[in-house]
Amino acid sequence: MIMKFPKHKTFHYVPRYYDPMKDEEERRKRRLKFHPSVHRKSPRSILITLVLLALIIIVYFTLAQ
């Protein structure tokens, strides 16, 4: 039996009468040139994954003999 788990629903609400120029927080973000971070895979995590994969392959061939 395959169980399906519910997924989180995204909620994007844009207020009708919202003016970003009047919002104090938005003005601070613009003045500081703040941009929300975009989730990217770092080269460091890819390197760690490759090293672990190489170690697993080496151990496998060492034990197989």
C-alpha atoms as a PDB file:
ATOM      1  CA  MET A   1       0.000   0.000   0.000  1.00  0.00           C
ATOM      2  CA  ILE A   2       1.453   3.321  -1.034  1.00  0.00           C
ATOM      3  CA  MET A   3       0.751   6.198   1.314  1.00  0.00           C
ATOM      4  CA  LYS A   4       0.603   9.726   0.009  1.00  0.00           C
ATOM      5  CA  PHE A   5       1.406  12.474   2.439  1.00  0.00           C
ATOM      6  CA  PRO A   6      -0.196  15.896   2.130  1.00  0.00           C
ATOM      7  CA  LYS A   7       1.979  18.716   0.862  1.00  0.00           C
ATOM      8  CA  HIS A   8       2.104  22.215   2.241  1.00  0.00           C
ATOM      9  CA  LYS A   9       0.056  24.673   0.277  1.00  0.00           C
ATOM     10  CA  THR A  10       1.713  27.899  -0.733  1.00  0.00           C
ATOM     11  CA  PHE A  11      -0.017  31.131   0.023  1.00  0.00           C
ATOM     12  CA  HIS A  12       0.826  34.293  -1.850  1.00  0.00           C
ATOM     13  CA  TYR A  13      -1.189  37.310  -0.860  1.00  0.00           C
ATOM     14  CA  VAL A  14      -0.654  40.718  -2.378  1.00  0.00           C
ATOM     15  CA  PRO A  15      -2.693  43.414  -0.635  1.00  0.00           C
ATOM     16  CA  ARG A  16      -4.800  45.582  -2.895  1.00  0.00           C
ATOM     17  CA  TYR A  17      -3.776  48.957  -1.559  1.00  0.00           C
ATOM     18  CA  TYR A  18      -0.173  48.275  -0.671  1.00  0.00           C
ATOM     19  CA  ASP A  19       2.342  50.947  -1.535  1.00  0.00           C
ATOM     20  CA  PRO A  20       5.948  49.752  -1.052  1.00  0.00           C
ATOM     21  CA  MET A  21       7.233  53.316  -1.044  1.00  0.00           C
ATOM     22  CA  LYS A  22       5.231  54.093   2.115  1.00  0.00           C
ATOM     23  CA  ASP A  23       6.293  50.935   3.927  1.00  0.00           C
ATOM     24  CA  GLU A  24       9.184  51.634   6.287  1.00  0.00           C
ATOM     25  CA  GLU A  25      10.591  48.109   6.092  1.00  0.00           C
ATOM     26  CA  GLU A  26      10.626  48.151   2.296  1.00  0.00           C
ATOM     27  CA  ARG A  27      12.439  51.485   2.291  1.00  0.00           C
ATOM     28  CA  ARG A  28      15.103  50.075   4.610  1.00  0.00           C
ATOM     29  CA  LYS A  29      15.562  47.034   2.388  1.00  0.00           C
ATOM     30  CA  ARG A  30      15.977  49.203  -0.681  1.00  0.00           C
ATOM     31  CA  ARG A  31      18.398  51.531   1.051  1.00  0.00           C
ATOM     32  CA  LEU A  32      20.518  48.540   2.193  1.00  0.00           C
ATOM     33  CA  LYS A  33      20.064  46.816  -1.209  1.00  0.00           C
ATOM     34  CA  PHE A  34      18.751  43.711   0.502  1.00  0.00           C
ATOM     35  CA  HIS A  35      17.617  40.807  -1.683  1.00  0.00           C
ATOM     36  CA  PRO A  36      16.119  37.647  -0.275  1.00  0.00           C
ATOM     37  CA  SER A  37      18.494  34.722  -0.665  1.00  0.00           C
ATOM     38  CA  VAL A  38      17.750  32.205  -3.341  1.00  0.00           C
ATOM     39  CA  HIS A  39      18.423  28.631  -2.348  1.00  0.00           C
ATOM     40  CA  ARG A  40      21.336  27.406  -4.437  1.00  0.00           C
ATOM     41  CA  LYS A  41      23.497  24.373  -4.025  1.00  0.00           C
ATOM     42  CA  SER A  42      26.892  25.482  -2.923  1.00  0.00           C
ATOM     43  CA  PRO A  43      29.989  24.086  -4.639  1.00  0.00           C
ATOM     44  CA  ARG A  44      31.169  22.996  -1.217  1.00  0.00           C
ATOM     45  CA  SER A  45      28.254  20.583  -0.755  1.00  0.00           C
ATOM     46  CA  ILE A  46      28.814  19.154  -4.244  1.00  0.00           C
ATOM     47  CA  LEU A  47      32.488  18.623  -3.413  1.00  0.00           C
ATOM     48  CA  ILE A  48      31.617  16.849  -0.159  1.00  0.00           C
ATOM     49  CA  THR A  49      29.155  14.616  -2.024  1.00  0.00           C
ATOM     50  CA  LEU A  50      31.792  13.676  -4.607  1.00  0.00           C
ATOM     51  CA  VAL A  51      34.373  12.900  -1.911  1.00  0.00           C
ATOM     52  CA  LEU A  52      31.903  10.691  -0.034  1.00  0.00           C
ATOM     53  CA  LEU A  53      30.958   8.889  -3.243  1.00  0.00           C
ATOM     54  CA  ALA A  54      34.637   8.267  -4.036  1.00  0.00           C
ATOM     55  CA  LEU A  55      35.229   6.902  -0.520  1.00  0.00           C
ATOM     56  CA  ILE A  56      32.262   4.554  -0.819  1.00  0.00           C
ATOM     57  CA  ILE A  57      33.520   3.249  -4.158  1.00  0.00           C
ATOM     58  CA  ILE A  58      37.042   2.731  -2.773  1.00  0.00           C
ATOM     59  CA  VAL A  59      35.727   0.870   0.286  1.00  0.00           C
ATOM     60  CA  TYR A  60      33.460  -1.273  -1.892  1.00  0.00           C
ATOM     61  CA  PHE A  61      36.277  -2.357  -4.206  1.00  0.00           C
ATOM     62  CA  THR A  62      38.627  -2.911  -1.256  1.00  0.00           C
ATOM     63  CA  LEU A  63      36.171  -5.185   0.524  1.00  0.00           C
ATOM     64  CA  ALA A  64      35.122  -6.988  -2.661  1.00  0.00           C
ATOM     65  CA  GLN A  65      38.618  -8.470  -3.140  1.00  0.00           C
END
